[in-house]
Amino acid sequence: MVCLCTLVYCFRYDRVKLQLKDIHNCQYVSCMNPTAGSFTINPRLQRHFCVFAVNLPTGESLTRIYTEILSQHLSNPQLKFQPAVGQVAPLLITAALSLHQKMSQQFLPTASKFHYIFSLRDLSNIFQVQ
């Protein structure tokens, strides 16, 4: 309810100091998981947002994305990887995608194992360049 008041009236009430705080030049971004939680949004709140629905990328798209990232990293002359290492990149990507898909199907979240949520963020952390 705080978000709705903040969005509509451009202020927030400070309960410690008992006064209104003005909010200016603020943008809100939100997301909703379509597989968990409530599936309805109050129309009075939703009218303040532009709603987009994005599907998960296909396996072919994921392969191309992660292959490009890893290939560019391995071909960086400053890092001095051997050319043979760069040739293994597509195999690493295929193995990582297969493992991710298998784990997502085998280890489903339950009440006692709620941390079994495997998203693309987990997969991206493998190939993230520091």
Protein backbone atom coordinates (compact mmCIF):
# COMPACT_ATOMS: atom_id res chain seq x y z
CA MET A 1 0.00 0.00 0.00
CA VAL A 2 2.97 2.33 0.56
CA CYS A 3 3.88 2.03 -3.12
CA LEU A 4 0.37 2.97 -4.21
CA CYS A 5 0.33 6.06 -1.99
CA THR A 6 3.79 7.02 -3.15
CA LEU A 7 2.89 6.58 -6.80
CA VAL A 8 -0.43 8.40 -6.69
CA TYR A 9 0.17 11.16 -4.18
CA CYS A 10 3.98 11.72 -4.54
CA PHE A 11 4.62 11.57 -0.83
CA ARG A 12 5.37 9.13 1.93
CA TYR A 13 4.42 9.47 5.55
CA ASP A 14 7.27 9.26 8.07
CA ARG A 15 5.84 7.54 11.13
CA VAL A 16 8.83 8.41 13.34
CA LYS A 17 8.83 12.18 12.74
CA LEU A 18 5.07 12.26 12.06
CA GLN A 19 5.35 14.30 8.88
CA LEU A 20 4.99 13.93 5.14
CA LYS A 21 8.06 13.43 2.95
CA ASP A 22 7.79 14.67 -0.63
CA ILE A 23 9.08 12.41 -3.38
CA HIS A 24 10.17 13.98 -6.68
CA ASN A 25 11.74 12.67 -9.91
CA CYS A 26 11.32 9.03 -8.99
CA GLN A 27 10.69 6.10 -11.33
CA TYR A 28 9.46 2.68 -10.31
CA VAL A 29 10.35 -0.60 -11.96
CA SER A 30 8.79 -3.84 -10.84
CA CYS A 31 8.57 -7.44 -11.95
CA MET A 32 6.31 -10.37 -11.25
CA ASN A 33 7.13 -14.05 -11.27
CA PRO A 34 4.37 -15.80 -13.24
CA THR A 35 4.98 -19.12 -11.46
CA ALA A 36 4.73 -18.08 -7.81
CA GLY A 37 2.71 -15.79 -5.61
CA SER A 38 -0.43 -13.90 -6.47
CA PHE A 39 -1.38 -13.69 -10.13
CA THR A 40 -3.57 -10.62 -9.85
CA ILE A 41 -2.60 -6.99 -9.50
CA ASN A 42 -4.87 -4.25 -8.27
CA PRO A 43 -5.88 -2.24 -11.38
CA ARG A 44 -5.38 1.02 -9.47
CA LEU A 45 -1.73 0.09 -9.00
CA GLN A 46 -1.21 -1.47 -12.40
CA ARG A 47 -2.40 1.64 -14.27
CA HIS A 48 0.82 3.41 -13.25
CA PHE A 49 3.01 0.87 -15.04
CA CYS A 50 3.60 -0.14 -18.62
CA VAL A 51 3.26 -3.93 -18.67
CA PHE A 52 5.57 -6.11 -20.77
CA ALA A 53 5.62 -9.89 -20.96
CA VAL A 54 8.89 -11.52 -21.94
CA ASN A 55 9.28 -15.20 -22.74
CA LEU A 56 12.39 -17.13 -21.79
CA PRO A 57 14.87 -17.46 -24.65
CA THR A 58 15.05 -20.72 -26.55
CA GLY A 59 17.92 -23.17 -26.15
CA GLU A 60 19.35 -22.06 -29.49
CA SER A 61 19.32 -18.42 -28.40
CA LEU A 62 20.97 -19.24 -25.09
CA THR A 63 23.66 -21.23 -26.87
CA ARG A 64 24.42 -18.34 -29.19
CA ILE A 65 24.45 -15.73 -26.40
CA TYR A 66 26.74 -17.65 -24.07
CA THR A 67 28.99 -18.86 -26.88
CA GLU A 68 29.59 -15.27 -27.98
CA ILE A 69 30.35 -14.14 -24.44
CA LEU A 70 32.77 -16.97 -23.72
CA SER A 71 34.42 -16.86 -27.16
CA GLN A 72 35.09 -13.14 -26.86
CA HIS A 73 36.57 -13.64 -23.42
CA LEU A 74 38.83 -16.49 -24.51
CA SER A 75 39.99 -14.66 -27.62
CA ASN A 76 41.08 -11.56 -25.66
CA PRO A 77 44.83 -11.15 -26.41
CA GLN A 78 45.50 -9.61 -23.00
CA LEU A 79 44.39 -12.78 -21.23
CA LYS A 80 46.70 -14.98 -23.34
CA PHE A 81 44.57 -18.10 -23.61
CA GLN A 82 45.80 -20.84 -25.92
CA PRO A 83 43.78 -21.18 -29.17
CA ALA A 84 42.89 -24.74 -28.20
CA VAL A 85 40.98 -23.42 -25.19
CA GLY A 86 38.80 -21.27 -27.46
CA GLN A 87 37.85 -24.31 -29.51
CA VAL A 88 36.39 -25.97 -26.41
CA ALA A 89 33.99 -23.04 -25.75
CA PRO A 90 30.97 -24.51 -27.64
CA LEU A 91 31.35 -27.79 -25.73
CA LEU A 92 31.46 -25.94 -22.41
CA ILE A 93 28.31 -24.01 -23.31
CA THR A 94 26.47 -27.17 -24.35
CA ALA A 95 27.48 -28.92 -21.13
CA ALA A 96 26.48 -25.96 -18.95
CA LEU A 97 23.08 -25.57 -20.65
CA SER A 98 22.41 -29.31 -20.39
CA LEU A 99 23.36 -29.34 -16.72
CA HIS A 100 21.20 -26.31 -15.99
CA GLN A 101 18.20 -27.83 -17.77
CA LYS A 102 18.64 -31.19 -16.02
CA MET A 103 18.94 -29.56 -12.59
CA SER A 104 15.87 -27.40 -13.21
CA GLN A 105 13.86 -30.50 -14.04
CA GLN A 106 15.22 -32.79 -11.31
CA PHE A 107 15.52 -30.43 -8.33
CA LEU A 108 12.11 -28.83 -8.06
CA PRO A 109 11.44 -26.37 -5.23
CA THR A 110 9.40 -27.64 -2.30
CA ALA A 111 8.45 -26.16 1.05
CA SER A 112 11.55 -27.61 2.70
CA LYS A 113 13.84 -26.98 -0.31
CA PHE A 114 12.62 -23.55 -1.39
CA HIS A 115 16.14 -22.58 -2.52
CA TYR A 116 15.91 -24.98 -5.49
CA ILE A 117 15.15 -22.24 -7.98
CA PHE A 118 17.46 -22.28 -10.98
CA SER A 119 17.16 -19.21 -13.15
CA LEU A 120 19.16 -17.80 -16.03
CA ARG A 121 20.96 -15.64 -13.47
CA ASP A 122 22.61 -18.79 -12.09
CA LEU A 123 23.68 -19.79 -15.58
CA SER A 124 24.99 -16.29 -16.34
CA ASN A 125 27.11 -16.34 -13.20
CA ILE A 126 29.11 -19.20 -14.71
CA PHE A 127 30.14 -17.15 -17.73
CA GLN A 128 30.39 -13.75 -16.07
CA VAL A 129 33.70 -12.03 -16.74
CA GLN A 130 35.16 -10.34 -13.68
